[in-house]
PDB file of N, CA and C in Angstrom:
ATOM      1  N   MET A   1      19.014  13.510 -12.527  1.00  0.00           N
ATOM      2  CA  MET A   1      18.424  12.580 -12.557  1.00  0.00           C
ATOM      3  C   MET A   1      17.877  11.978 -14.126  1.00  0.00           C
ATOM      4  N   SER A   2      17.898  12.721 -15.010  1.00  0.00           N
ATOM      5  CA  SER A   2      17.449  12.527 -15.927  1.00  0.00           C
ATOM      6  C   SER A   2      18.279  11.331 -16.719  1.00  0.00           C
ATOM      7  N   ASP A   3      19.672  11.542 -16.485  1.00  0.00           N
ATOM      8  CA  ASP A   3      20.408  10.435 -17.375  1.00  0.00           C
ATOM      9  C   ASP A   3      20.590   9.173 -16.232  1.00  0.00           C
ATOM     10  N   LEU A   4      19.861   8.672 -15.232  1.00  0.00           N
ATOM     11  CA  LEU A   4      19.838   7.781 -14.635  1.00  0.00           C
ATOM     12  C   LEU A   4      18.677   7.220 -14.939  1.00  0.00           C
ATOM     13  N   ASN A   5      17.193   8.057 -15.330  1.00  0.00           N
ATOM     14  CA  ASN A   5      16.140   7.382 -15.823  1.00  0.00           C
ATOM     15  C   ASN A   5      16.417   6.976 -17.005  1.00  0.00           C
ATOM     16  N   CYS A   6      17.369   7.578 -18.196  1.00  0.00           N
ATOM     17  CA  CYS A   6      17.535   7.119 -19.280  1.00  0.00           C
ATOM     18  C   CYS A   6      18.273   5.956 -19.170  1.00  0.00           C
ATOM     19  N   LYS A   7      19.313   5.830 -18.488  1.00  0.00           N
ATOM     20  CA  LYS A   7      20.112   4.382 -18.510  1.00  0.00           C
ATOM     21  C   LYS A   7      18.941   3.350 -18.080  1.00  0.00           C
ATOM     22  N   TYR A   8      17.985   3.588 -16.992  1.00  0.00           N
ATOM     23  CA  TYR A   8      17.482   2.614 -16.670  1.00  0.00           C
ATOM     24  C   TYR A   8      16.280   2.349 -17.404  1.00  0.00           C
ATOM     25  N   LEU A   9      15.673   3.042 -18.506  1.00  0.00           N
ATOM     26  CA  LEU A   9      14.915   2.695 -19.670  1.00  0.00           C
ATOM     27  C   LEU A   9      15.805   1.933 -20.781  1.00  0.00           C
ATOM     28  N   GLN A  10      16.865   2.524 -20.852  1.00  0.00           N
ATOM     29  CA  GLN A  10      17.745   1.887 -21.851  1.00  0.00           C
ATOM     30  C   GLN A  10      18.277   0.367 -21.523  1.00  0.00           C
ATOM     31  N   LEU A  11      18.279   0.207 -20.216  1.00  0.00           N
ATOM     32  CA  LEU A  11      18.447  -1.670 -19.756  1.00  0.00           C
ATOM     33  C   LEU A  11      17.292  -2.041 -19.740  1.00  0.00           C
ATOM     34  N   LEU A  12      16.488  -1.490 -19.280  1.00  0.00           N
ATOM     35  CA  LEU A  12      14.739  -2.245 -19.152  1.00  0.00           C
ATOM     36  C   LEU A  12      14.567  -2.700 -20.674  1.00  0.00           C
ATOM     37  N   LEU A  13      14.664  -1.671 -21.793  1.00  0.00           N
ATOM     38  CA  LEU A  13      14.731  -2.446 -23.208  1.00  0.00           C
ATOM     39  C   LEU A  13      15.310  -4.111 -23.432  1.00  0.00           C
ATOM     40  N   ILE A  14      16.734  -3.665 -22.733  1.00  0.00           N
ATOM     41  CA  ILE A  14      17.477  -4.839 -23.275  1.00  0.00           C
ATOM     42  C   ILE A  14      17.052  -6.035 -22.344  1.00  0.00           C
ATOM     43  N   GLU A  15      16.544  -5.861 -21.357  1.00  0.00           N
ATOM     44  CA  GLU A  15      15.867  -7.094 -20.458  1.00  0.00           C
ATOM     45  C   GLU A  15      14.584  -7.625 -20.927  1.00  0.00           C
ATOM     46  N   LEU A  16      13.745  -6.455 -21.773  1.00  0.00           N
ATOM     47  CA  LEU A  16      12.530  -6.810 -22.382  1.00  0.00           C
ATOM     48  C   LEU A  16      13.070  -7.925 -23.673  1.00  0.00           C
ATOM     49  N   ASP A  17      14.122  -7.518 -24.562  1.00  0.00           N
ATOM     50  CA  ASP A  17      14.391  -7.999 -25.455  1.00  0.00           C
ATOM     51  C   ASP A  17      14.693  -9.530 -25.217  1.00  0.00           C
ATOM     52  N   ASP A  18      15.525  -9.745 -23.962  1.00  0.00           N
ATOM     53  CA  ASP A  18      15.854 -10.788 -23.502  1.00  0.00           C
ATOM     54  C   ASP A  18      14.585 -11.883 -23.274  1.00  0.00           C
ATOM     55  N   LEU A  19      13.730 -11.197 -22.649  1.00  0.00           N
ATOM     56  CA  LEU A  19      12.506 -11.972 -22.011  1.00  0.00           C
ATOM     57  C   LEU A  19      11.789 -12.473 -23.562  1.00  0.00           C
ATOM     58  N   HIS A  20      11.720 -11.528 -24.314  1.00  0.00           N
ATOM     59  CA  HIS A  20      11.119 -11.862 -25.815  1.00  0.00           C
ATOM     60  C   HIS A  20      11.759 -13.253 -26.230  1.00  0.00           C
ATOM     61  N   GLY A  21      13.207 -12.982 -26.208  1.00  0.00           N
ATOM     62  CA  GLY A  21      14.151 -14.251 -26.786  1.00  0.00           C
ATOM     63  C   GLY A  21      13.589 -15.706 -25.720  1.00  0.00           C
ATOM     64  N   ASP A  22      13.539 -15.519 -24.533  1.00  0.00           N
ATOM     65  CA  ASP A  22      13.178 -16.471 -23.643  1.00  0.00           C
ATOM     66  C   ASP A  22      11.810 -17.099 -24.131  1.00  0.00           C
ATOM     67  N   LEU A  23      10.762 -16.163 -24.333  1.00  0.00           N
ATOM     68  CA  LEU A  23       9.420 -17.078 -25.069  1.00  0.00           C
ATOM     69  C   LEU A  23       9.304 -17.379 -26.258  1.00  0.00           C
ATOM     70  N   ASP A  24      10.276 -16.847 -27.251  1.00  0.00           N
ATOM     71  CA  ASP A  24      10.825 -17.337 -28.584  1.00  0.00           C
ATOM     72  C   ASP A  24      11.675 -18.809 -28.501  1.00  0.00           C
ATOM     73  N   MET A  25      12.400 -19.154 -27.558  1.00  0.00           N
ATOM     74  CA  MET A  25      12.989 -20.386 -27.002  1.00  0.00           C
ATOM     75  C   MET A  25      11.708 -21.195 -26.458  1.00  0.00           C
ATOM     76  N   LEU A  26      10.789 -20.990 -25.946  1.00  0.00           N
ATOM     77  CA  LEU A  26       9.774 -21.714 -25.364  1.00  0.00           C
ATOM     78  C   LEU A  26       8.814 -22.324 -26.386  1.00  0.00           C
ATOM     79  N   VAL A  27       8.823 -21.242 -27.260  1.00  0.00           N
ATOM     80  CA  VAL A  27       7.547 -21.794 -28.443  1.00  0.00           C
ATOM     81  C   VAL A  27       8.305 -22.629 -29.263  1.00  0.00           C
ATOM     82  N   ASP A  28       9.829 -22.598 -29.689  1.00  0.00           N
ATOM     83  CA  ASP A  28      10.616 -23.437 -30.140  1.00  0.00           C
ATOM     84  C   ASP A  28      10.485 -25.052 -29.585  1.00  0.00           C
ATOM     85  N   ALA A  29      10.631 -24.626 -28.280  1.00  0.00           N
ATOM     86  CA  ALA A  29      10.321 -26.100 -27.449  1.00  0.00           C
ATOM     87  C   ALA A  29       9.164 -26.833 -27.650  1.00  0.00           C
ATOM     88  N   TYR A  30       8.118 -25.709 -27.461  1.00  0.00           N
ATOM     89  CA  TYR A  30       6.632 -26.717 -27.342  1.00  0.00           C
ATOM     90  C   TYR A  30       6.352 -27.327 -29.248  1.00  0.00           C
ATOM     91  N   LYS A  31       7.054 -26.613 -30.069  1.00  0.00           N
ATOM     92  CA  LYS A  31       6.740 -27.205 -31.375  1.00  0.00           C
ATOM     93  C   LYS A  31       7.633 -28.502 -31.143  1.00  0.00           C
ATOM     94  N   LYS A  32       8.746 -28.444 -30.696  1.00  0.00           N
ATOM     95  CA  LYS A  32       9.337 -29.917 -30.590  1.00  0.00           C
ATOM     96  C   LYS A  32       8.813 -30.915 -29.850  1.00  0.00           C
ATOM     97  N   GLU A  33       8.441 -30.593 -28.635  1.00  0.00           N
ATOM     98  CA  GLU A  33       7.514 -31.461 -28.026  1.00  0.00           C
ATOM     99  C   GLU A  33       6.234 -31.968 -28.842  1.00  0.00           C
ATOM    100  N   LYS A  34       5.674 -31.170 -29.435  1.00  0.00           N
ATOM    101  CA  LYS A  34       4.203 -31.416 -30.345  1.00  0.00           C
ATOM    102  C   LYS A  34       4.970 -32.360 -31.781  1.00  0.00           C
ATOM    103  N   ALA A  35       6.074 -31.837 -32.353  1.00  0.00           N
ATOM    104  CA  ALA A  35       6.545 -33.108 -33.494  1.00  0.00           C
ATOM    105  C   ALA A  35       6.772 -34.296 -32.848  1.00  0.00           C
ATOM    106  N   ASP A  36       7.537 -34.624 -31.287  1.00  0.00           N
ATOM    107  CA  ASP A  36       7.716 -35.837 -30.768  1.00  0.00           C
ATOM    108  C   ASP A  36       6.610 -36.307 -30.161  1.00  0.00           C
ATOM    109  N   ASN A  37       5.528 -35.751 -30.366  1.00  0.00           N
ATOM    110  CA  ASN A  37       4.223 -36.219 -29.808  1.00  0.00           C
ATOM    111  C   ASN A  37       4.114 -36.760 -28.132  1.00  0.00           C
ATOM    112  N   LYS A  38       4.993 -35.722 -27.702  1.00  0.00           N
ATOM    113  CA  LYS A  38       5.287 -35.330 -26.172  1.00  0.00           C
ATOM    114  C   LYS A  38       3.790 -34.995 -25.438  1.00  0.00           C
ATOM    115  N   ILE A  39       3.287 -33.701 -26.379  1.00  0.00           N
ATOM    116  CA  ILE A  39       2.123 -33.227 -25.955  1.00  0.00           C
ATOM    117  C   ILE A  39       1.133 -33.186 -27.163  1.00  0.00           C
ATOM    118  N   SER A  40      -0.286 -33.384 -26.668  1.00  0.00           N
ATOM    119  CA  SER A  40      -1.349 -33.247 -27.441  1.00  0.00           C
ATOM    120  C   SER A  40      -1.394 -32.034 -28.511  1.00  0.00           C
ATOM    121  N   ASN A  41      -1.989 -32.139 -29.265  1.00  0.00           N
ATOM    122  CA  ASN A  41      -2.422 -30.636 -30.141  1.00  0.00           C
ATOM    123  C   ASN A  41      -3.119 -29.737 -29.323  1.00  0.00           C
ATOM    124  N   TYR A  42      -4.091 -30.256 -28.485  1.00  0.00           N
ATOM    125  CA  TYR A  42      -4.754 -29.279 -27.745  1.00  0.00           C
ATOM    126  C   TYR A  42      -3.915 -28.402 -26.716  1.00  0.00           C
ATOM    127  N   VAL A  43      -2.874 -29.179 -26.171  1.00  0.00           N
ATOM    128  CA  VAL A  43      -1.768 -28.302 -24.939  1.00  0.00           C
ATOM    129  C   VAL A  43      -1.055 -27.680 -26.101  1.00  0.00           C
ATOM    130  N   PHE A  44      -0.607 -28.105 -27.050  1.00  0.00           N
ATOM    131  CA  PHE A  44       0.423 -27.129 -27.805  1.00  0.00           C
ATOM    132  C   PHE A  44      -0.418 -25.912 -28.295  1.00  0.00           C
ATOM    133  N   MET A  45      -1.375 -25.998 -28.697  1.00  0.00           N
ATOM    134  CA  MET A  45      -2.253 -24.732 -28.938  1.00  0.00           C
ATOM    135  C   MET A  45      -2.679 -23.862 -27.912  1.00  0.00           C
ATOM    136  N   GLU A  46      -2.760 -24.291 -26.773  1.00  0.00           N
ATOM    137  CA  GLU A  46      -3.196 -23.481 -25.357  1.00  0.00           C
ATOM    138  C   GLU A  46      -1.957 -22.523 -25.215  1.00  0.00           C
ATOM    139  N   ASN A  47      -0.634 -23.696 -25.399  1.00  0.00           N
ATOM    140  CA  ASN A  47       0.622 -23.303 -24.758  1.00  0.00           C
ATOM    141  C   ASN A  47       1.307 -21.974 -25.966  1.00  0.00           C
ATOM    142  N   LEU A  48       0.853 -22.455 -27.146  1.00  0.00           N
ATOM    143  CA  LEU A  48       1.432 -21.292 -27.947  1.00  0.00           C
ATOM    144  C   LEU A  48       0.571 -20.032 -27.886  1.00  0.00           C
ATOM    145  N   ALA A  49      -0.762 -20.253 -27.797  1.00  0.00           N
ATOM    146  CA  ALA A  49      -1.761 -18.899 -27.584  1.00  0.00           C
ATOM    147  C   ALA A  49      -1.472 -17.973 -26.495  1.00  0.00           C
ATOM    148  N   LEU A  50      -1.281 -18.781 -25.254  1.00  0.00           N
ATOM    149  CA  LEU A  50      -0.407 -17.704 -24.005  1.00  0.00           C
ATOM    150  C   LEU A  50       0.687 -17.281 -24.742  1.00  0.00           C
ATOM    151  N   LEU A  51       1.812 -18.125 -25.224  1.00  0.00           N
ATOM    152  CA  LEU A  51       3.247 -17.192 -25.507  1.00  0.00           C
ATOM    153  C   LEU A  51       2.787 -16.351 -26.490  1.00  0.00           C
ATOM    154  N   HIS A  52       2.303 -16.250 -27.659  1.00  0.00           N
ATOM    155  CA  HIS A  52       1.880 -15.353 -28.533  1.00  0.00           C
ATOM    156  C   HIS A  52       1.159 -14.079 -27.491  1.00  0.00           C
ATOM    157  N   ASN A  53       0.520 -14.525 -26.916  1.00  0.00           N
ATOM    158  CA  ASN A  53      -0.501 -13.389 -26.079  1.00  0.00           C
ATOM    159  C   ASN A  53       0.699 -12.695 -25.325  1.00  0.00           C
ATOM    160  N   GLU A  54       1.529 -13.113 -24.621  1.00  0.00           N
ATOM    161  CA  GLU A  54       2.985 -12.682 -23.577  1.00  0.00           C
ATOM    162  C   GLU A  54       3.870 -11.592 -24.455  1.00  0.00           C
ATOM    163  N   ILE A  55       3.706 -12.539 -25.808  1.00  0.00           N
ATOM    164  CA  ILE A  55       4.954 -11.669 -26.801  1.00  0.00           C
ATOM    165  C   ILE A  55       4.308 -10.470 -27.424  1.00  0.00           C
ATOM    166  N   ILE A  56       3.085 -10.486 -27.365  1.00  0.00           N
ATOM    167  CA  ILE A  56       2.327  -9.141 -27.798  1.00  0.00           C
ATOM    168  C   ILE A  56       2.499  -7.977 -26.583  1.00  0.00           C
ATOM    169  N   GLY A  57       2.388  -8.553 -25.365  1.00  0.00           N
ATOM    170  CA  GLY A  57       2.509  -7.876 -24.281  1.00  0.00           C
ATOM    171  C   GLY A  57       3.751  -7.330 -24.184  1.00  0.00           C
ATOM    172  N   ILE A  58       5.011  -8.073 -24.288  1.00  0.00           N
ATOM    173  CA  ILE A  58       5.959  -7.337 -24.473  1.00  0.00           C
ATOM    174  C   ILE A  58       5.970  -6.297 -25.659  1.00  0.00           C
ATOM    175  N   ARG A  59       5.552  -6.456 -26.665  1.00  0.00           N
ATOM    176  CA  ARG A  59       5.610  -5.666 -27.629  1.00  0.00           C
ATOM    177  C   ARG A  59       4.735  -4.134 -27.193  1.00  0.00           C
ATOM    178  N   LEU A  60       3.757  -4.204 -26.508  1.00  0.00           N
ATOM    179  CA  LEU A  60       3.247  -3.381 -26.069  1.00  0.00           C
ATOM    180  C   LEU A  60       3.967  -2.599 -24.965  1.00  0.00           C
ATOM    181  N   PHE A  61       4.628  -3.322 -24.009  1.00  0.00           N
ATOM    182  CA  PHE A  61       5.504  -2.834 -22.920  1.00  0.00           C
ATOM    183  C   PHE A  61       6.577  -1.999 -23.650  1.00  0.00           C
ATOM    184  N   HIS A  62       7.237  -2.671 -24.565  1.00  0.00           N
ATOM    185  CA  HIS A  62       8.337  -1.836 -25.326  1.00  0.00           C
ATOM    186  C   HIS A  62       7.989  -0.511 -25.764  1.00  0.00           C
ATOM    187  N   ASP A  63       6.923  -0.494 -26.159  1.00  0.00           N
ATOM    188  CA  ASP A  63       6.213   0.717 -27.014  1.00  0.00           C
ATOM    189  C   ASP A  63       6.169   1.827 -25.758  1.00  0.00           C
ATOM    190  N   VAL A  64       5.359   1.272 -24.499  1.00  0.00           N
ATOM    191  CA  VAL A  64       5.120   2.432 -23.429  1.00  0.00           C
ATOM    192  C   VAL A  64       6.656   2.806 -22.990  1.00  0.00           C
ATOM    193  N   VAL A  65       7.857   1.926 -22.949  1.00  0.00           N
ATOM    194  CA  VAL A  65       8.857   2.313 -22.421  1.00  0.00           C
ATOM    195  C   VAL A  65       9.518   3.441 -23.668  1.00  0.00           C
ATOM    196  N   ASP A  66       9.332   2.771 -25.128  1.00  0.00           N
ATOM    197  CA  ASP A  66       9.729   4.087 -25.926  1.00  0.00           C
ATOM    198  C   ASP A  66       9.452   5.257 -26.213  1.00  0.00           C
ATOM    199  N   ASN A  67       8.081   5.318 -25.774  1.00  0.00           N
ATOM    200  CA  ASN A  67       7.100   6.727 -25.553  1.00  0.00           C
ATOM    201  C   ASN A  67       7.237   7.660 -24.646  1.00  0.00           C
ATOM    202  N   LEU A  68       8.036   7.060 -23.488  1.00  0.00           N
ATOM    203  CA  LEU A  68       8.357   8.212 -21.809  1.00  0.00           C
ATOM    204  C   LEU A  68       9.614   9.002 -22.245  1.00  0.00           C
ATOM    205  N   LYS A  69       9.181  10.184 -21.713  1.00  0.00           N
ATOM    206  CA  LYS A  69      10.272  11.130 -22.083  1.00  0.00           C
ATOM    207  C   LYS A  69      11.178  11.217 -20.646  1.00  0.00           C
ATOM    208  N   THR A  70      12.101  10.892 -20.309  1.00  0.00           N
ATOM    209  CA  THR A  70      12.944  10.963 -18.945  1.00  0.00           C
ATOM    210  C   THR A  70      12.952  11.849 -18.309  1.00  0.00           C
ATOM    211  N   GLN A  71      12.899  13.068 -19.136  1.00  0.00           N
ATOM    212  CA  GLN A  71      12.928  14.509 -18.508  1.00  0.00           C
ATOM    213  C   GLN A  71      11.821  14.758 -17.774  1.00  0.00           C
ATOM    214  N   LYS A  72      10.542  14.328 -18.000  1.00  0.00           N
ATOM    215  CA  LYS A  72       9.560  14.594 -17.481  1.00  0.00           C
ATOM    216  C   LYS A  72       9.381  13.926 -16.101  1.00  0.00           C
ATOM    217  N   PHE A  73      10.258  13.401 -15.652  1.00  0.00           N
ATOM    218  CA  PHE A  73      10.246  12.434 -14.184  1.00  0.00           C
ATOM    219  C   PHE A  73      11.181  13.299 -13.287  1.00  0.00           C
ATOM    220  N   ALA A  74      10.757  13.388 -11.980  1.00  0.00           N
ATOM    221  CA  ALA A  74      11.767  14.396 -11.141  1.00  0.00           C
ATOM    222  C   ALA A  74      12.970  13.035 -10.532  1.00  0.00           C
ATOM    223  N   SER A  75      12.234  11.597 -10.453  1.00  0.00           N
ATOM    224  CA  SER A  75      13.161  10.637  -9.964  1.00  0.00           C
ATOM    225  C   SER A  75      12.741   9.424 -10.316  1.00  0.00           C
ATOM    226  N   LEU A  76      13.788   8.394  -9.965  1.00  0.00           N
ATOM    227  CA  LEU A  76      13.325   7.265 -10.772  1.00  0.00           C
ATOM    228  C   LEU A  76      12.520   6.326 -10.280  1.00  0.00           C
ATOM    229  N   GLU A  77      12.019   6.714  -9.054  1.00  0.00           N
ATOM    230  CA  GLU A  77      10.916   6.162  -8.486  1.00  0.00           C
ATOM    231  C   GLU A  77       9.444   6.581  -9.088  1.00  0.00           C
ATOM    232  N   GLU A  78       9.607   8.034  -9.476  1.00  0.00           N
ATOM    233  CA  GLU A  78       8.376   8.411 -10.211  1.00  0.00           C
ATOM    234  C   GLU A  78       8.284   7.674 -11.850  1.00  0.00           C
ATOM    235  N   LEU A  79       9.344   7.397 -11.989  1.00  0.00           N
ATOM    236  CA  LEU A  79       9.327   6.878 -13.586  1.00  0.00           C
ATOM    237  C   LEU A  79       8.876   5.444 -13.160  1.00  0.00           C
ATOM    238  N   ILE A  80       9.390   4.814 -12.614  1.00  0.00           N
ATOM    239  CA  ILE A  80       9.149   3.249 -12.495  1.00  0.00           C
ATOM    240  C   ILE A  80       7.670   3.195 -12.263  1.00  0.00           C
ATOM    241  N   CYS A  81       6.858   4.042 -11.212  1.00  0.00           N
ATOM    242  CA  CYS A  81       5.560   4.126 -11.245  1.00  0.00           C
ATOM    243  C   CYS A  81       4.850   4.123 -12.465  1.00  0.00           C
ATOM    244  N   ARG A  82       5.620   5.289 -13.088  1.00  0.00           N
ATOM    245  CA  ARG A  82       4.471   5.691 -14.297  1.00  0.00           C
ATOM    246  C   ARG A  82       4.624   4.482 -15.342  1.00  0.00           C
ATOM    247  N   VAL A  83       6.089   3.885 -15.600  1.00  0.00           N
ATOM    248  CA  VAL A  83       6.038   2.440 -16.525  1.00  0.00           C
ATOM    249  C   VAL A  83       4.785   1.516 -15.619  1.00  0.00           C
ATOM    250  N   LYS A  84       4.855   1.307 -14.634  1.00  0.00           N
ATOM    251  CA  LYS A  84       4.283   0.147 -14.208  1.00  0.00           C
ATOM    252  C   LYS A  84       2.502   0.653 -14.541  1.00  0.00           C
ATOM    253  N   SER A  85       2.254   1.763 -14.381  1.00  0.00           N
ATOM    254  CA  SER A  85       0.959   2.286 -14.290  1.00  0.00           C
ATOM    255  C   SER A  85       0.671   2.310 -16.183  1.00  0.00           C
ATOM    256  N   GLU A  86       1.218   2.864 -16.462  1.00  0.00           N
ATOM    257  CA  GLU A  86       1.108   2.505 -18.284  1.00  0.00           C
ATOM    258  C   GLU A  86       0.949   1.174 -18.837  1.00  0.00           C
ATOM    259  N   PHE A  87       1.769   0.177 -18.132  1.00  0.00           N
ATOM    260  CA  PHE A  87       1.922  -1.032 -18.652  1.00  0.00           C
ATOM    261  C   PHE A  87       0.455  -1.878 -18.282  1.00  0.00           C
ATOM    262  N   ASN A  88       0.130  -1.396 -17.021  1.00  0.00           N
ATOM    263  CA  ASN A  88      -1.203  -2.296 -16.246  1.00  0.00           C
ATOM    264  C   ASN A  88      -2.092  -1.526 -17.395  1.00  0.00           C
ATOM    265  N   LYS A  89      -2.354  -0.351 -17.716  1.00  0.00           N
ATOM    266  CA  LYS A  89      -3.282  -0.123 -18.635  1.00  0.00           C
ATOM    267  C   LYS A  89      -3.167  -0.662 -19.798  1.00  0.00           C
ATOM    268  N   LYS A  90      -2.333  -0.852 -20.413  1.00  0.00           N
ATOM    269  CA  LYS A  90      -2.108  -1.426 -21.638  1.00  0.00           C
ATOM    270  C   LYS A  90      -2.464  -2.790 -21.546  1.00  0.00           C
ATOM    271  N   MET A  91      -1.836  -3.707 -20.540  1.00  0.00           N
ATOM    272  CA  MET A  91      -2.454  -5.109 -20.355  1.00  0.00           C
ATOM    273  C   MET A  91      -3.823  -5.239 -20.372  1.00  0.00           C
ATOM    274  N   HIS A  92      -4.802  -4.449 -19.629  1.00  0.00           N
ATOM    275  CA  HIS A  92      -6.187  -4.270 -19.253  1.00  0.00           C
ATOM    276  C   HIS A  92      -6.877  -3.961 -20.860  1.00  0.00           C
ATOM    277  N   GLU A  93      -6.346  -2.826 -21.237  1.00  0.00           N
ATOM    278  CA  GLU A  93      -6.922  -2.635 -22.655  1.00  0.00           C
ATOM    279  C   GLU A  93      -6.624  -3.543 -24.077  1.00  0.00           C
ATOM    280  N   ASN A  94      -6.035  -4.534 -23.951  1.00  0.00           N
ATOM    281  CA  ASN A  94      -5.625  -5.637 -24.993  1.00  0.00           C
ATOM    282  C   ASN A  94      -5.760  -6.911 -24.558  1.00  0.00           C
ATOM    283  N   GLY A  95      -6.223  -7.200 -23.487  1.00  0.00           N
ATOM    284  CA  GLY A  95      -6.235  -8.624 -22.591  1.00  0.00           C
ATOM    285  C   GLY A  95      -5.172  -9.495 -22.773  1.00  0.00           C
ATOM    286  N   ILE A  96      -3.805  -9.372 -22.048  1.00  0.00           N
ATOM    287  CA  ILE A  96      -2.959  -9.786 -21.979  1.00  0.00           C
ATOM    288  C   ILE A  96      -2.959 -10.507 -20.653  1.00  0.00           C
ATOM    289  N   ALA A  97      -2.240 -11.918 -20.899  1.00  0.00           N
ATOM    290  CA  ALA A  97      -2.511 -12.492 -19.766  1.00  0.00           C
ATOM    291  C   ALA A  97      -2.023 -12.002 -18.510  1.00  0.00           C
ATOM    292  N   ALA A  98      -2.314 -12.233 -17.110  1.00  0.00           N
ATOM    293  CA  ALA A  98      -1.913 -11.650 -16.247  1.00  0.00           C
ATOM    294  C   ALA A  98      -0.868 -12.207 -15.933  1.00  0.00           C
ATOM    295  N   ALA A  99      -0.029 -13.175 -16.031  1.00  0.00           N
ATOM    296  CA  ALA A  99       1.471 -13.916 -16.152  1.00  0.00           C
ATOM    297  C   ALA A  99       2.351 -13.043 -16.542  1.00  0.00           C
ATOM    298  N   LEU A 100       2.111 -12.238 -17.455  1.00  0.00           N
ATOM    299  CA  LEU A 100       3.342 -11.564 -17.855  1.00  0.00           C
ATOM    300  C   LEU A 100       3.576 -10.285 -17.006  1.00  0.00           C
ATOM    301  N   ASN A 101       2.623 -10.176 -16.135  1.00  0.00           N
ATOM    302  CA  ASN A 101       3.033  -8.840 -15.159  1.00  0.00           C
ATOM    303  C   ASN A 101       4.045  -9.423 -14.186  1.00  0.00           C
ATOM    304  N   LYS A 102       4.024 -10.777 -13.826  1.00  0.00           N
ATOM    305  CA  LYS A 102       5.070 -11.123 -12.601  1.00  0.00           C
ATOM    306  C   LYS A 102       6.473 -11.033 -13.950  1.00  0.00           C
ATOM    307  N   PHE A 103       6.621 -11.704 -14.919  1.00  0.00           N
ATOM    308  CA  PHE A 103       7.779 -11.483 -15.430  1.00  0.00           C
ATOM    309  C   PHE A 103       8.434 -10.029 -15.380  1.00  0.00           C
ATOM    310  N   ILE A 104       7.389  -9.082 -15.812  1.00  0.00           N
ATOM    311  CA  ILE A 104       7.543  -7.881 -16.131  1.00  0.00           C
ATOM    312  C   ILE A 104       8.157  -7.033 -14.616  1.00  0.00           C
ATOM    313  N   ASP A 105       7.582  -7.617 -13.760  1.00  0.00           N
ATOM    314  CA  ASP A 105       7.805  -6.640 -12.450  1.00  0.00           C
ATOM    315  C   ASP A 105       9.415  -7.241 -11.891  1.00  0.00           C
ATOM    316  N   LYS A 106       9.639  -8.534 -12.531  1.00  0.00           N
ATOM    317  CA  LYS A 106      10.792  -8.861 -12.203  1.00  0.00           C
ATOM    318  C   LYS A 106      12.208  -8.505 -12.924  1.00  0.00           C
ATOM    319  N   LYS A 107      11.789  -7.861 -14.342  1.00  0.00           N
ATOM    320  CA  LYS A 107      12.631  -7.248 -14.938  1.00  0.00           C
ATOM    321  C   LYS A 107      12.732  -5.724 -14.485  1.00  0.00           C
ATOM    322  N   LEU A 108      11.703  -5.149 -13.798  1.00  0.00           N
ATOM    323  CA  LEU A 108      11.684  -3.979 -13.579  1.00  0.00           C
ATOM    324  C   LEU A 108      12.358  -3.695 -12.137  1.00  0.00           C
ATOM    325  N   ASP A 109      12.423  -4.897 -11.335  1.00  0.00           N
ATOM    326  CA  ASP A 109      13.197  -4.783 -10.074  1.00  0.00           C
ATOM    327  C   ASP A 109      14.623  -5.054 -10.116  1.00  0.00           C
ATOM    328  N   LYS A 110      14.851  -5.897 -11.250  1.00  0.00           N
ATOM    329  CA  LYS A 110      16.442  -6.193 -11.695  1.00  0.00           C
ATOM    330  C   LYS A 110      17.006  -5.075 -12.088  1.00  0.00           C
ATOM    331  N   VAL A 111      16.548  -4.068 -12.939  1.00  0.00           N
ATOM    332  CA  VAL A 111      16.975  -3.291 -13.457  1.00  0.00           C
ATOM    333  C   VAL A 111      17.058  -2.087 -12.659  1.00  0.00           C
ATOM    334  N   GLU A 112      16.303  -2.029 -11.666  1.00  0.00           N
ATOM    335  CA  GLU A 112      16.338  -0.800 -10.583  1.00  0.00           C
ATOM    336  C   GLU A 112      17.519  -1.420  -9.790  1.00  0.00           C
ATOM    337  N   LYS A 113      17.311  -2.410  -9.431  1.00  0.00           N
ATOM    338  CA  LYS A 113      18.678  -2.893  -8.564  1.00  0.00           C
ATOM    339  C   LYS A 113      20.038  -2.515  -8.871  1.00  0.00           C
ATOM    340  N   PHE A 114      19.996  -3.258 -10.046  1.00  0.00           N
ATOM    341  CA  PHE A 114      21.097  -2.571 -11.049  1.00  0.00           C
ATOM    342  C   PHE A 114      21.984  -1.388 -11.024  1.00  0.00           C
ATOM    343  N   ILE A 115      21.117  -0.566 -11.652  1.00  0.00           N
ATOM    344  CA  ILE A 115      20.984   0.812 -11.663  1.00  0.00           C
ATOM    345  C   ILE A 115      21.347   1.522 -10.595  1.00  0.00           C
ATOM    346  N   ARG A 116      20.687   1.068  -8.973  1.00  0.00           N
ATOM    347  CA  ARG A 116      20.994   1.714  -7.823  1.00  0.00           C
ATOM    348  C   ARG A 116      22.534   1.072  -7.380  1.00  0.00           C
ATOM    349  N   GLU A 117      23.246  -0.003  -7.624  1.00  0.00           N
ATOM    350  CA  GLU A 117      24.264  -0.210  -7.022  1.00  0.00           C
ATOM    351  C   GLU A 117      25.421   0.465  -7.718  1.00  0.00           C
TER     352      GLU A 117
END
């Protein structure tokens, strides 16, 4: 089971990097909209603050995944449960926006589905 758990975490890290890249692209898009005067400075700063908060959350989640020892878990379900639990704890401790949880849940489900097929 450890091999399956290891593959799961490796793929999850790739998905987190992808999500981080998506958020970086949104930052760039908001900068362009601000430069083109399509959004106000207030809206720009609010959007930027939320995106930076989510990026910090992704980094925290990355740390959670990096620090897990896959051999400690008897099943993939047990690993996923721990990942979610640890991430929720980090989110709460660090004031990460709840919206990130939806993105992370999608990534967790996507990787699990891929691994199981």
